[in-house]
């Protein structure tokens, strides 16, 4: 008898399964936000707060031993802060682009750091 965890790992290990799970999860979130509008603020603030928490965990877990992880964690924190400022204050096009570009660069740097942590 398979456990739910085993089924989840079997689906998640396949690329098509990941795509389907991400699409279904996004659809569930979109429908929930449309049916219950007060959740819109929670979903809107999840990205900046998630980036800050993720960056803080990277700095806390790997920051002392790995310079690349420290840099990516700090970029994640900075990206969360700039994204939050972008949501709070109306910015011009250049400032808005930078506010959205920093989290993208931070995520790619964390992927790069994760790759090198796995290689060691």
N, C-alpha and C. Protein backbone atom coordinates (compact mmCIF):
# COMPACT_ATOMS: atom_id res chain seq x y z
N UNK A 1 0.85 -1.18 0.00
CA UNK A 1 0.00 0.00 0.00
C UNK A 1 0.90 1.25 0.00
N UNK A 2 0.65 2.15 -0.95
CA UNK A 2 1.46 3.36 -1.06
C UNK A 2 0.92 4.45 -0.15
N UNK A 3 1.82 5.15 0.45
CA UNK A 3 1.44 6.28 1.29
C UNK A 3 1.28 7.51 0.41
N UNK A 4 0.62 8.51 0.94
CA UNK A 4 0.42 9.76 0.19
C UNK A 4 1.76 10.40 -0.13
N UNK A 5 2.70 10.30 0.79
CA UNK A 5 4.03 10.88 0.56
C UNK A 5 4.71 10.20 -0.62
N UNK A 6 4.59 8.87 -0.73
CA UNK A 6 5.19 8.15 -1.85
C UNK A 6 4.55 8.54 -3.18
N UNK A 7 3.24 8.72 -3.17
CA UNK A 7 2.54 9.16 -4.39
C UNK A 7 3.01 10.55 -4.77
N UNK A 8 3.13 11.44 -3.79
CA UNK A 8 3.60 12.80 -4.05
C UNK A 8 5.00 12.81 -4.64
N UNK A 9 5.89 11.99 -4.09
CA UNK A 9 7.26 11.92 -4.63
C UNK A 9 7.26 11.31 -6.03
N UNK A 10 6.41 10.32 -6.28
CA UNK A 10 6.35 9.72 -7.61
C UNK A 10 5.89 10.73 -8.65
N UNK A 11 4.94 11.56 -8.28
CA UNK A 11 4.46 12.58 -9.22
C UNK A 11 5.49 13.68 -9.38
N UNK A 12 6.06 14.14 -8.27
CA UNK A 12 7.00 15.27 -8.30
C UNK A 12 8.30 14.93 -9.01
N UNK A 13 8.69 13.66 -9.06
CA UNK A 13 9.94 13.27 -9.70
C UNK A 13 9.88 13.34 -11.21
N UNK A 14 8.70 13.42 -11.79
CA UNK A 14 8.55 13.52 -13.24
C UNK A 14 8.34 14.98 -13.63
N UNK A 15 9.01 15.44 -14.69
CA UNK A 15 8.86 16.86 -15.09
C UNK A 15 7.41 17.24 -15.43
N UNK A 16 6.70 16.37 -16.13
CA UNK A 16 5.31 16.68 -16.47
C UNK A 16 4.45 16.73 -15.21
N UNK A 17 4.75 15.86 -14.24
CA UNK A 17 4.03 15.88 -12.98
C UNK A 17 4.23 17.18 -12.23
N UNK A 18 5.44 17.71 -12.26
CA UNK A 18 5.71 19.00 -11.61
C UNK A 18 4.90 20.11 -12.25
N UNK A 19 4.88 20.11 -13.57
CA UNK A 19 4.13 21.16 -14.29
C UNK A 19 2.65 21.07 -13.95
N UNK A 20 2.10 19.86 -13.95
CA UNK A 20 0.68 19.68 -13.65
C UNK A 20 0.38 20.12 -12.22
N UNK A 21 1.23 19.73 -11.26
CA UNK A 21 1.00 20.13 -9.88
C UNK A 21 1.08 21.65 -9.70
N UNK A 22 2.03 22.29 -10.37
CA UNK A 22 2.14 23.75 -10.28
C UNK A 22 0.93 24.44 -10.91
N UNK A 23 0.46 23.92 -12.04
CA UNK A 23 -0.72 24.50 -12.67
C UNK A 23 -1.97 24.31 -11.81
N UNK A 24 -2.14 23.13 -11.24
CA UNK A 24 -3.29 22.87 -10.39
C UNK A 24 -3.22 23.74 -9.13
N UNK A 25 -2.04 23.86 -8.54
CA UNK A 25 -1.89 24.72 -7.37
C UNK A 25 -2.18 26.18 -7.68
N UNK A 26 -1.68 26.66 -8.82
CA UNK A 26 -1.97 28.03 -9.23
C UNK A 26 -3.44 28.25 -9.49
N UNK A 27 -4.09 27.26 -10.09
CA UNK A 27 -5.53 27.36 -10.36
C UNK A 27 -6.32 27.39 -9.05
N UNK A 28 -5.94 26.57 -8.09
CA UNK A 28 -6.63 26.57 -6.79
C UNK A 28 -6.47 27.93 -6.10
N UNK A 29 -5.27 28.49 -6.15
CA UNK A 29 -5.05 29.81 -5.54
C UNK A 29 -5.88 30.88 -6.26
N UNK A 30 -5.89 30.85 -7.60
CA UNK A 30 -6.63 31.85 -8.37
C UNK A 30 -8.13 31.76 -8.08
N UNK A 31 -8.67 30.56 -8.04
CA UNK A 31 -10.11 30.40 -7.76
C UNK A 31 -10.43 30.84 -6.34
N UNK A 32 -9.57 30.51 -5.39
CA UNK A 32 -9.79 30.91 -4.00
C UNK A 32 -9.78 32.42 -3.86
N UNK A 33 -8.85 33.07 -4.53
CA UNK A 33 -8.78 34.53 -4.45
C UNK A 33 -10.00 35.17 -5.10
N UNK A 34 -10.49 34.59 -6.19
CA UNK A 34 -11.68 35.15 -6.85
C UNK A 34 -12.94 34.94 -6.01
N UNK A 35 -13.04 33.81 -5.33
CA UNK A 35 -14.24 33.53 -4.55
C UNK A 35 -14.22 34.19 -3.19
N UNK A 36 -13.04 34.42 -2.65
CA UNK A 36 -12.92 35.03 -1.33
C UNK A 36 -11.92 36.18 -1.40
N UNK A 37 -12.39 37.38 -1.83
CA UNK A 37 -11.49 38.52 -2.09
C UNK A 37 -10.57 38.95 -0.95
N UNK A 38 -10.93 38.81 0.34
CA UNK A 38 -9.96 39.24 1.37
C UNK A 38 -8.63 38.48 1.34
N UNK A 39 -8.60 37.31 0.71
CA UNK A 39 -7.35 36.57 0.60
C UNK A 39 -6.39 37.18 -0.42
N UNK A 40 -6.88 38.11 -1.22
CA UNK A 40 -6.04 38.74 -2.24
C UNK A 40 -4.85 39.44 -1.61
N UNK A 41 -5.07 40.11 -0.49
CA UNK A 41 -3.96 40.79 0.20
C UNK A 41 -2.94 39.80 0.72
N UNK A 42 -3.40 38.66 1.22
CA UNK A 42 -2.49 37.64 1.73
C UNK A 42 -1.61 37.11 0.59
N UNK A 43 -2.23 36.83 -0.54
CA UNK A 43 -1.48 36.31 -1.68
C UNK A 43 -0.54 37.38 -2.23
N UNK A 44 -0.98 38.63 -2.25
CA UNK A 44 -0.16 39.72 -2.76
C UNK A 44 1.09 39.93 -1.91
N UNK A 45 0.98 39.79 -0.59
CA UNK A 45 2.12 40.02 0.29
C UNK A 45 2.93 38.76 0.54
N UNK A 46 2.49 37.62 0.02
CA UNK A 46 3.24 36.38 0.20
C UNK A 46 4.59 36.44 -0.49
N UNK A 47 4.66 37.03 -1.69
CA UNK A 47 5.92 37.08 -2.43
C UNK A 47 7.01 37.86 -1.70
N UNK A 48 6.78 39.12 -1.30
CA UNK A 48 7.86 39.82 -0.61
C UNK A 48 8.24 39.19 0.74
N UNK A 49 7.24 38.79 1.51
CA UNK A 49 7.55 38.18 2.80
C UNK A 49 8.22 36.82 2.61
N UNK A 50 7.80 36.07 1.63
CA UNK A 50 8.44 34.79 1.34
C UNK A 50 9.89 34.95 0.93
N UNK A 51 10.17 35.97 0.12
CA UNK A 51 11.55 36.23 -0.28
C UNK A 51 12.42 36.61 0.92
N UNK A 52 11.88 37.44 1.81
CA UNK A 52 12.64 37.85 2.99
C UNK A 52 12.90 36.66 3.91
N UNK A 53 11.90 35.83 4.14
CA UNK A 53 12.08 34.66 5.00
C UNK A 53 13.05 33.67 4.37
N UNK A 54 12.90 33.45 3.06
CA UNK A 54 13.79 32.53 2.34
C UNK A 54 15.24 33.02 2.42
N UNK A 55 15.45 34.32 2.19
CA UNK A 55 16.79 34.89 2.26
C UNK A 55 17.37 34.81 3.66
N UNK A 56 16.54 35.08 4.66
CA UNK A 56 17.01 34.96 6.04
C UNK A 56 17.41 33.54 6.40
N UNK A 57 16.66 32.57 5.90
CA UNK A 57 17.02 31.18 6.18
C UNK A 57 18.32 30.79 5.48
N UNK A 58 18.56 31.31 4.28
CA UNK A 58 19.81 31.01 3.58
C UNK A 58 21.00 31.62 4.30
N UNK A 59 20.85 32.84 4.78
CA UNK A 59 21.93 33.49 5.52
C UNK A 59 22.18 32.75 6.83
N UNK A 60 21.12 32.37 7.51
CA UNK A 60 21.25 31.68 8.80
C UNK A 60 21.86 30.29 8.63
N UNK A 61 21.40 29.54 7.63
CA UNK A 61 21.86 28.15 7.48
C UNK A 61 23.24 28.03 6.85
N UNK A 62 23.52 28.83 5.81
CA UNK A 62 24.74 28.62 5.04
C UNK A 62 25.66 29.84 4.99
N UNK A 63 25.24 30.96 5.52
CA UNK A 63 25.96 32.21 5.34
C UNK A 63 27.37 32.25 5.88
N UNK A 64 27.60 31.62 7.01
CA UNK A 64 28.94 31.69 7.60
C UNK A 64 29.96 30.89 6.80
N UNK A 65 29.54 29.80 6.22
CA UNK A 65 30.48 28.90 5.56
C UNK A 65 30.62 29.14 4.07
N UNK A 66 29.68 29.81 3.46
CA UNK A 66 29.66 29.91 2.01
C UNK A 66 29.35 31.34 1.59
N UNK A 67 30.31 31.98 0.94
CA UNK A 67 30.14 33.38 0.52
C UNK A 67 29.02 33.52 -0.51
N UNK A 68 28.91 32.57 -1.44
CA UNK A 68 27.88 32.64 -2.47
C UNK A 68 26.49 32.54 -1.86
N UNK A 69 26.32 31.69 -0.86
CA UNK A 69 25.02 31.59 -0.18
C UNK A 69 24.71 32.85 0.60
N UNK A 70 25.73 33.45 1.19
CA UNK A 70 25.53 34.71 1.91
C UNK A 70 25.07 35.81 0.96
N UNK A 71 25.71 35.90 -0.19
CA UNK A 71 25.34 36.91 -1.18
C UNK A 71 23.92 36.67 -1.69
N UNK A 72 23.60 35.41 -2.02
CA UNK A 72 22.26 35.14 -2.54
C UNK A 72 21.20 35.36 -1.47
N UNK A 73 21.49 35.03 -0.20
CA UNK A 73 20.54 35.29 0.87
C UNK A 73 20.29 36.78 1.06
N UNK A 74 21.35 37.56 1.00
CA UNK A 74 21.19 39.02 1.12
C UNK A 74 20.43 39.59 -0.07
N UNK A 75 20.68 39.05 -1.26
CA UNK A 75 19.93 39.49 -2.43
C UNK A 75 18.45 39.13 -2.32
N UNK A 76 18.15 37.97 -1.75
CA UNK A 76 16.76 37.59 -1.55
C UNK A 76 16.07 38.53 -0.58
N UNK A 77 16.75 38.88 0.51
CA UNK A 77 16.19 39.82 1.47
C UNK A 77 15.98 41.19 0.81
N UNK A 78 16.99 41.65 0.08
CA UNK A 78 16.87 42.94 -0.61
C UNK A 78 15.75 42.90 -1.66
N UNK A 79 15.63 41.78 -2.36
CA UNK A 79 14.57 41.63 -3.35
C UNK A 79 13.19 41.67 -2.72
N UNK A 80 13.03 41.05 -1.54
CA UNK A 80 11.75 41.10 -0.85
C UNK A 80 11.42 42.51 -0.40
N UNK A 81 12.42 43.22 0.08
CA UNK A 81 12.20 44.60 0.53
C UNK A 81 11.84 45.50 -0.65
N UNK A 82 12.58 45.38 -1.76
CA UNK A 82 12.27 46.24 -2.91
C UNK A 82 10.90 45.90 -3.50
N UNK A 83 10.53 44.63 -3.48
CA UNK A 83 9.21 44.25 -3.99
C UNK A 83 8.11 44.81 -3.08
N UNK A 84 8.33 44.80 -1.77
CA UNK A 84 7.35 45.36 -0.84
C UNK A 84 7.22 46.87 -1.03
N UNK A 85 8.34 47.54 -1.24
CA UNK A 85 8.30 48.99 -1.49
C UNK A 85 7.55 49.27 -2.78
N UNK A 86 7.76 48.43 -3.80
CA UNK A 86 7.07 48.59 -5.07
C UNK A 86 5.57 48.44 -4.89
N UNK A 87 5.14 47.55 -4.00
CA UNK A 87 3.71 47.37 -3.76
C UNK A 87 3.12 48.50 -2.92
N UNK A 88 3.92 49.12 -2.08
CA UNK A 88 3.41 50.18 -1.21
C UNK A 88 3.41 51.55 -1.85
N UNK A 89 4.46 51.85 -2.59
CA UNK A 89 4.67 53.20 -3.12
C UNK A 89 4.63 53.14 -4.64
N UNK A 90 3.86 54.01 -5.28
CA UNK A 90 3.89 54.05 -6.74
C UNK A 90 5.26 54.54 -7.23
N UNK A 91 5.90 53.74 -8.08
CA UNK A 91 7.23 54.07 -8.58
C UNK A 91 7.17 54.34 -10.08
N UNK A 92 8.19 55.03 -10.60
CA UNK A 92 8.26 55.22 -12.04
C UNK A 92 8.69 53.91 -12.70
N UNK A 93 8.77 53.91 -14.02
CA UNK A 93 9.04 52.66 -14.74
C UNK A 93 10.41 52.08 -14.42
N UNK A 94 11.42 52.91 -14.34
CA UNK A 94 12.76 52.41 -14.07
C UNK A 94 12.86 51.82 -12.67
N UNK A 95 12.34 52.53 -11.68
CA UNK A 95 12.38 52.02 -10.30
C UNK A 95 11.55 50.75 -10.17
N UNK A 96 10.42 50.68 -10.84
CA UNK A 96 9.60 49.47 -10.81
C UNK A 96 10.30 48.29 -11.46
N UNK A 97 11.00 48.54 -12.55
CA UNK A 97 11.75 47.48 -13.21
C UNK A 97 12.86 46.95 -12.31
N UNK A 98 13.58 47.85 -11.66
CA UNK A 98 14.65 47.43 -10.75
C UNK A 98 14.06 46.67 -9.56
N UNK A 99 12.92 47.15 -9.05
CA UNK A 99 12.29 46.49 -7.91
C UNK A 99 11.85 45.07 -8.26
N UNK A 100 11.49 44.82 -9.50
CA UNK A 100 11.09 43.48 -9.92
C UNK A 100 12.27 42.66 -10.43
N UNK A 101 13.35 43.32 -10.82
CA UNK A 101 14.51 42.60 -11.34
C UNK A 101 15.39 42.04 -10.22
N UNK A 102 15.47 42.73 -9.10
CA UNK A 102 16.31 42.26 -7.99
C UNK A 102 15.85 40.88 -7.48
N UNK A 103 14.54 40.64 -7.27
CA UNK A 103 14.15 39.29 -6.86
C UNK A 103 14.48 38.21 -7.90
N UNK A 104 14.40 38.54 -9.17
CA UNK A 104 14.74 37.56 -10.21
C UNK A 104 16.22 37.20 -10.15
N UNK A 105 17.07 38.22 -10.03
CA UNK A 105 18.51 37.97 -9.91
C UNK A 105 18.81 37.19 -8.63
N UNK A 106 18.11 37.50 -7.55
CA UNK A 106 18.32 36.81 -6.29
C UNK A 106 17.94 35.33 -6.39
N UNK A 107 16.85 35.03 -7.06
CA UNK A 107 16.42 33.64 -7.20
C UNK A 107 17.43 32.87 -8.04
N UNK A 108 17.91 33.46 -9.12
CA UNK A 108 18.92 32.78 -9.93
C UNK A 108 20.23 32.60 -9.16
N UNK A 109 20.61 33.58 -8.35
CA UNK A 109 21.84 33.41 -7.57
C UNK A 109 21.66 32.32 -6.52
N UNK A 110 20.48 32.19 -5.94
CA UNK A 110 20.23 31.12 -4.98
C UNK A 110 20.24 29.75 -5.67
N UNK A 111 19.72 29.69 -6.88
CA UNK A 111 19.79 28.44 -7.64
C UNK A 111 21.24 28.07 -7.92
N UNK A 112 22.05 29.04 -8.27
CA UNK A 112 23.47 28.84 -8.52
C UNK A 112 24.18 28.38 -7.24
N UNK A 113 23.88 29.03 -6.11
CA UNK A 113 24.49 28.64 -4.83
C UNK A 113 24.05 27.24 -4.43
N UNK A 114 22.78 26.92 -4.64
CA UNK A 114 22.28 25.57 -4.31
C UNK A 114 22.98 24.51 -5.15
N UNK A 115 23.22 24.83 -6.40
CA UNK A 115 23.93 23.89 -7.28
C UNK A 115 25.33 23.61 -6.73
N UNK A 116 26.03 24.65 -6.33
CA UNK A 116 27.39 24.46 -5.82
C UNK A 116 27.40 23.84 -4.42
N UNK A 117 26.36 24.06 -3.63
CA UNK A 117 26.29 23.36 -2.34
C UNK A 117 26.10 21.86 -2.55
N UNK A 118 25.33 21.49 -3.55
CA UNK A 118 25.14 20.05 -3.84
C UNK A 118 26.39 19.41 -4.40
N UNK A 119 27.21 20.17 -5.11
CA UNK A 119 28.44 19.62 -5.70
C UNK A 119 29.48 19.29 -4.65
N UNK A 120 29.46 19.96 -3.52
CA UNK A 120 30.47 19.75 -2.47
C UNK A 120 30.19 18.52 -1.67
